[in-house]
C-alpha atoms as a PDB file:
ATOM      1  CA  MET A   1      58.050 -54.473  38.291  1.00  0.00           C
ATOM      2  CA  PHE A   2      54.615 -52.884  37.739  1.00  0.00           C
ATOM      3  CA  ALA A   3      54.996 -50.740  40.891  1.00  0.00           C
ATOM      4  CA  GLN A   4      57.497 -48.630  38.922  1.00  0.00           C
ATOM      5  CA  HIS A   5      54.585 -47.165  36.940  1.00  0.00           C
ATOM      6  CA  PRO A   6      53.029 -44.270  38.908  1.00  0.00           C
ATOM      7  CA  ASP A   7      49.270 -44.499  39.141  1.00  0.00           C
ATOM      8  CA  GLY A   8      46.415 -42.718  40.855  1.00  0.00           C
ATOM      9  CA  ILE A   9      44.761 -44.422  43.806  1.00  0.00           C
ATOM     10  CA  THR A  10      41.061 -45.080  43.463  1.00  0.00           C
ATOM     11  CA  ALA A  11      38.377 -46.458  45.771  1.00  0.00           C
ATOM     12  CA  VAL A  12      35.530 -48.427  44.171  1.00  0.00           C
ATOM     13  CA  ALA A  13      32.589 -48.723  46.567  1.00  0.00           C
ATOM     14  CA  ALA A  14      28.879 -49.423  46.842  1.00  0.00           C
ATOM     15  CA  CYS A  15      26.181 -50.677  49.177  1.00  0.00           C
ATOM     16  CA  PRO A  16      25.262 -53.941  47.412  1.00  0.00           C
ATOM     17  CA  ASP A  17      22.898 -54.970  50.222  1.00  0.00           C
ATOM     18  CA  GLY A  18      21.432 -51.466  50.454  1.00  0.00           C
ATOM     19  CA  ALA A  19      22.932 -50.776  53.887  1.00  0.00           C
ATOM     20  CA  THR A  20      26.570 -51.733  54.410  1.00  0.00           C
ATOM     21  CA  PRO A  21      29.280 -50.011  52.357  1.00  0.00           C
ATOM     22  CA  VAL A  22      31.722 -52.360  50.621  1.00  0.00           C
ATOM     23  CA  GLY A  23      34.833 -51.048  48.911  1.00  0.00           C
ATOM     24  CA  MET A  24      38.255 -51.783  47.551  1.00  0.00           C
ATOM     25  CA  VAL A  25      41.328 -49.791  46.575  1.00  0.00           C
ATOM     26  CA  VAL A  26      42.354 -49.894  42.916  1.00  0.00           C
ATOM     27  CA  THR A  27      45.619 -48.671  41.389  1.00  0.00           C
ATOM     28  CA  SER A  28      44.945 -50.098  37.916  1.00  0.00           C
ATOM     29  CA  PHE A  29      42.360 -47.468  36.962  1.00  0.00           C
ATOM     30  CA  SER A  30      42.203 -45.851  33.494  1.00  0.00           C
ATOM     31  CA  VAL A  31      39.895 -43.200  32.063  1.00  0.00           C
ATOM     32  CA  GLY A  32      38.943 -42.292  28.504  1.00  0.00           C
ATOM     33  CA  ILE A  33      38.595 -45.866  27.275  1.00  0.00           C
ATOM     34  CA  SER A  34      35.592 -44.699  25.251  1.00  0.00           C
ATOM     35  CA  PHE A  35      33.790 -41.379  25.025  1.00  0.00           C
ATOM     36  CA  ASP A  36      30.558 -42.758  23.511  1.00  0.00           C
ATOM     37  CA  PRO A  37      29.530 -44.389  25.762  1.00  0.00           C
ATOM     38  CA  PRO A  38      31.822 -42.943  28.440  1.00  0.00           C
ATOM     39  CA  LEU A  39      33.869 -45.892  29.753  1.00  0.00           C
ATOM     40  CA  VAL A  40      36.632 -46.318  32.332  1.00  0.00           C
ATOM     41  CA  LEU A  41      38.370 -49.522  33.387  1.00  0.00           C
ATOM     42  CA  PHE A  42      40.220 -51.241  36.188  1.00  0.00           C
ATOM     43  CA  SER A  43      41.336 -54.728  37.069  1.00  0.00           C
ATOM     44  CA  ALA A  44      40.466 -56.774  40.147  1.00  0.00           C
ATOM     45  CA  GLN A  45      42.105 -59.974  41.304  1.00  0.00           C
ATOM     46  CA  SER A  46      39.955 -62.950  40.325  1.00  0.00           C
ATOM     47  CA  SER A  47      40.226 -64.210  43.910  1.00  0.00           C
ATOM     48  CA  SER A  48      38.923 -60.925  45.401  1.00  0.00           C
ATOM     49  CA  ARG A  49      35.954 -61.547  47.702  1.00  0.00           C
ATOM     50  CA  THR A  50      35.325 -57.800  47.786  1.00  0.00           C
ATOM     51  CA  TRP A  51      34.985 -57.588  44.011  1.00  0.00           C
ATOM     52  CA  ARG A  52      32.506 -60.501  44.051  1.00  0.00           C
ATOM     53  CA  GLN A  53      30.363 -58.456  46.455  1.00  0.00           C
ATOM     54  CA  LEU A  54      30.684 -55.234  44.449  1.00  0.00           C
ATOM     55  CA  ALA A  55      29.959 -56.940  41.123  1.00  0.00           C
ATOM     56  CA  GLY A  56      26.344 -57.413  42.247  1.00  0.00           C
ATOM     57  CA  ALA A  57      25.739 -53.692  42.843  1.00  0.00           C
ATOM     58  CA  SER A  58      23.612 -51.764  40.363  1.00  0.00           C
ATOM     59  CA  ARG A  59      25.817 -48.659  40.724  1.00  0.00           C
ATOM     60  CA  LEU A  60      29.406 -48.237  41.852  1.00  0.00           C
ATOM     61  CA  GLY A  61      31.062 -45.125  43.214  1.00  0.00           C
ATOM     62  CA  VAL A  62      34.580 -44.502  41.944  1.00  0.00           C
ATOM     63  CA  SER A  63      36.548 -42.016  44.055  1.00  0.00           C
ATOM     64  CA  VAL A  64      39.951 -40.861  42.817  1.00  0.00           C
ATOM     65  CA  LEU A  65      41.600 -40.314  46.178  1.00  0.00           C
ATOM     66  CA  ALA A  66      43.371 -37.127  47.244  1.00  0.00           C
ATOM     67  CA  ALA A  67      46.230 -36.167  49.552  1.00  0.00           C
ATOM     68  CA  GLN A  68      43.972 -36.085  52.607  1.00  0.00           C
ATOM     69  CA  HIS A  69      43.371 -39.839  52.132  1.00  0.00           C
ATOM     70  CA  ALA A  70      47.061 -40.818  52.432  1.00  0.00           C
ATOM     71  CA  VAL A  71      46.506 -42.456  55.828  1.00  0.00           C
ATOM     72  CA  ALA A  72      43.007 -43.792  55.097  1.00  0.00           C
ATOM     73  CA  VAL A  73      44.099 -45.629  51.947  1.00  0.00           C
ATOM     74  CA  ARG A  74      45.664 -48.457  54.001  1.00  0.00           C
ATOM     75  CA  GLN A  75      42.437 -48.860  55.955  1.00  0.00           C
ATOM     76  CA  LEU A  76      40.368 -48.872  52.748  1.00  0.00           C
ATOM     77  CA  ALA A  77      42.660 -51.581  51.360  1.00  0.00           C
ATOM     78  CA  SER A  78      42.716 -53.742  54.509  1.00  0.00           C
ATOM     79  CA  ARG A  79      41.429 -57.308  54.436  1.00  0.00           C
ATOM     80  CA  SER A  80      39.770 -57.120  57.850  1.00  0.00           C
ATOM     81  CA  GLY A  81      37.710 -54.744  59.947  1.00  0.00           C
ATOM     82  CA  ASP A  82      35.427 -51.934  58.842  1.00  0.00           C
ATOM     83  CA  ARG A  83      37.186 -50.303  55.899  1.00  0.00           C
ATOM     84  CA  PHE A  84      35.030 -47.181  56.214  1.00  0.00           C
ATOM     85  CA  ALA A  85      35.267 -46.614  60.011  1.00  0.00           C
ATOM     86  CA  GLY A  86      35.973 -42.926  60.607  1.00  0.00           C
ATOM     87  CA  ILE A  87      36.051 -42.117  56.875  1.00  0.00           C
ATOM     88  CA  ASP A  88      33.488 -39.597  55.627  1.00  0.00           C
ATOM     89  CA  ILE A  89      31.464 -41.034  52.756  1.00  0.00           C
ATOM     90  CA  HIS A  90      28.542 -40.025  50.593  1.00  0.00           C
ATOM     91  CA  ARG A  91      25.924 -42.584  49.499  1.00  0.00           C
ATOM     92  CA  THR A  92      23.623 -42.081  46.543  1.00  0.00           C
ATOM     93  CA  GLU A  93      20.059 -43.381  46.305  1.00  0.00           C
ATOM     94  CA  SER A  94      21.284 -45.851  43.673  1.00  0.00           C
ATOM     95  CA  GLY A  95      23.754 -47.417  46.141  1.00  0.00           C
ATOM     96  CA  ALA A  96      27.023 -45.869  44.921  1.00  0.00           C
ATOM     97  CA  VAL A  97      29.416 -44.864  47.709  1.00  0.00           C
ATOM     98  CA  PHE A  98      31.941 -42.026  47.412  1.00  0.00           C
ATOM     99  CA  VAL A  99      34.810 -40.986  49.684  1.00  0.00           C
ATOM    100  CA  ASP A 100      34.386 -37.343  50.694  1.00  0.00           C
ATOM    101  CA  GLY A 101      37.184 -35.011  49.618  1.00  0.00           C
ATOM    102  CA  ALA A 102      38.197 -37.156  46.635  1.00  0.00           C
ATOM    103  CA  ARG A 103      39.645 -35.481  43.544  1.00  0.00           C
ATOM    104  CA  LEU A 104      37.015 -37.052  41.266  1.00  0.00           C
ATOM    105  CA  TRP A 105      33.752 -38.951  41.737  1.00  0.00           C
ATOM    106  CA  LEU A 106      32.312 -41.157  38.994  1.00  0.00           C
ATOM    107  CA  GLU A 107      28.987 -42.945  39.371  1.00  0.00           C
ATOM    108  CA  CYS A 108      29.187 -46.056  37.212  1.00  0.00           C
ATOM    109  CA  SER A 109      27.601 -49.360  36.293  1.00  0.00           C
ATOM    110  CA  ILE A 110      29.357 -52.464  35.013  1.00  0.00           C
ATOM    111  CA  TYR A 111      29.522 -52.424  31.215  1.00  0.00           C
ATOM    112  CA  SER A 112      31.491 -55.671  30.826  1.00  0.00           C
ATOM    113  CA  GLU A 113      33.823 -57.954  32.710  1.00  0.00           C
ATOM    114  CA  THR A 114      36.451 -60.259  31.201  1.00  0.00           C
ATOM    115  CA  GLU A 115      38.842 -62.748  32.770  1.00  0.00           C
ATOM    116  CA  VAL A 116      42.471 -61.970  31.873  1.00  0.00           C
ATOM    117  CA  GLY A 117      45.116 -64.111  33.547  1.00  0.00           C
ATOM    118  CA  ASP A 118      44.633 -63.969  37.302  1.00  0.00           C
ATOM    119  CA  HIS A 119      42.508 -60.787  37.145  1.00  0.00           C
ATOM    120  CA  ARG A 120      39.124 -59.555  35.955  1.00  0.00           C
ATOM    121  CA  LEU A 121      39.208 -56.614  33.536  1.00  0.00           C
ATOM    122  CA  VAL A 122      36.185 -54.470  34.390  1.00  0.00           C
ATOM    123  CA  LEU A 123      34.774 -51.819  32.065  1.00  0.00           C
ATOM    124  CA  LEU A 124      32.492 -49.315  33.784  1.00  0.00           C
ATOM    125  CA  GLU A 125      30.017 -46.989  32.095  1.00  0.00           C
ATOM    126  CA  VAL A 126      30.054 -43.512  33.654  1.00  0.00           C
ATOM    127  CA  HIS A 127      26.603 -42.072  34.394  1.00  0.00           C
ATOM    128  CA  SER A 128      27.643 -38.946  36.294  1.00  0.00           C
ATOM    129  CA  ALA A 129      30.805 -37.200  37.424  1.00  0.00           C
ATOM    130  CA  SER A 130      31.927 -34.562  39.883  1.00  0.00           C
ATOM    131  CA  SER A 131      35.440 -33.146  40.141  1.00  0.00           C
ATOM    132  CA  HIS A 132      37.115 -31.381  43.018  1.00  0.00           C
ATOM    133  CA  ARG A 133      40.126 -29.764  41.399  1.00  0.00           C
ATOM    134  CA  THR A 134      41.550 -28.204  44.549  1.00  0.00           C
ATOM    135  CA  ALA A 135      42.348 -31.614  46.071  1.00  0.00           C
ATOM    136  CA  ALA A 136      45.956 -32.738  45.468  1.00  0.00           C
ATOM    137  CA  PRO A 137      46.098 -36.185  43.801  1.00  0.00           C
ATOM    138  CA  LEU A 138      47.332 -39.240  45.670  1.00  0.00           C
ATOM    139  CA  ILE A 139      49.739 -41.456  43.694  1.00  0.00           C
ATOM    140  CA  TYR A 140      50.961 -45.041  44.112  1.00  0.00           C
ATOM    141  CA  HIS A 141      54.579 -45.518  43.007  1.00  0.00           C
ATOM    142  CA  ASP A 142      57.300 -47.982  43.986  1.00  0.00           C
ATOM    143  CA  HIS A 143      55.101 -49.513  46.733  1.00  0.00           C
ATOM    144  CA  GLN A 144      54.555 -46.082  48.310  1.00  0.00           C
ATOM    145  CA  THR A 145      51.655 -43.664  48.609  1.00  0.00           C
ATOM    146  CA  LEU A 146      52.764 -40.208  47.444  1.00  0.00           C
ATOM    147  CA  VAL A 147      51.094 -36.814  47.167  1.00  0.00           C
ATOM    148  CA  LEU A 148      51.451 -35.147  43.783  1.00  0.00           C
ATOM    149  CA  ASP A 149      52.509 -31.506  44.104  1.00  0.00           C
ATOM    150  CA  THR A 150      50.104 -29.525  41.929  1.00  0.00           C
ATOM    151  CA  GLU A 151      51.365 -26.080  42.865  1.00  0.00           C
ATOM    152  CA  PRO A 152      52.969 -24.153  39.976  1.00  0.00           C
ATOM    153  CA  GLY A 153      56.655 -24.170  40.500  1.00  0.00           C
END
């Protein structure tokens, strides 16, 4: 049912141990929750081992994925293996990890986290942002990964 709502595809990633990147794919990402302070939100399954690792990071990198990530998104979402093998990333000194070529980068910290049903609702405070407007957005709709055509038509 919820797959009928088109959504952007986002990677949330960090190096919680200071060395190894950890990340997860999120399709429940929303911006503009608050402008003062700047807040965004997403939900993570309560049973997610990856979220438990990321929740301990001081800073998180949020990458709104682009068309060039259409193949990599399955790898980033996998439950085994190195999710970042062969994927170009950028790490900040604060431990946030970004996927190169993403449409938008947001460096965030956890503002609050609330249990809602079988998920955790996570509010993130945005500390910095960088947009790459030439990258075509990647969309999740009806259990498929789609590229949004941004050319004027």
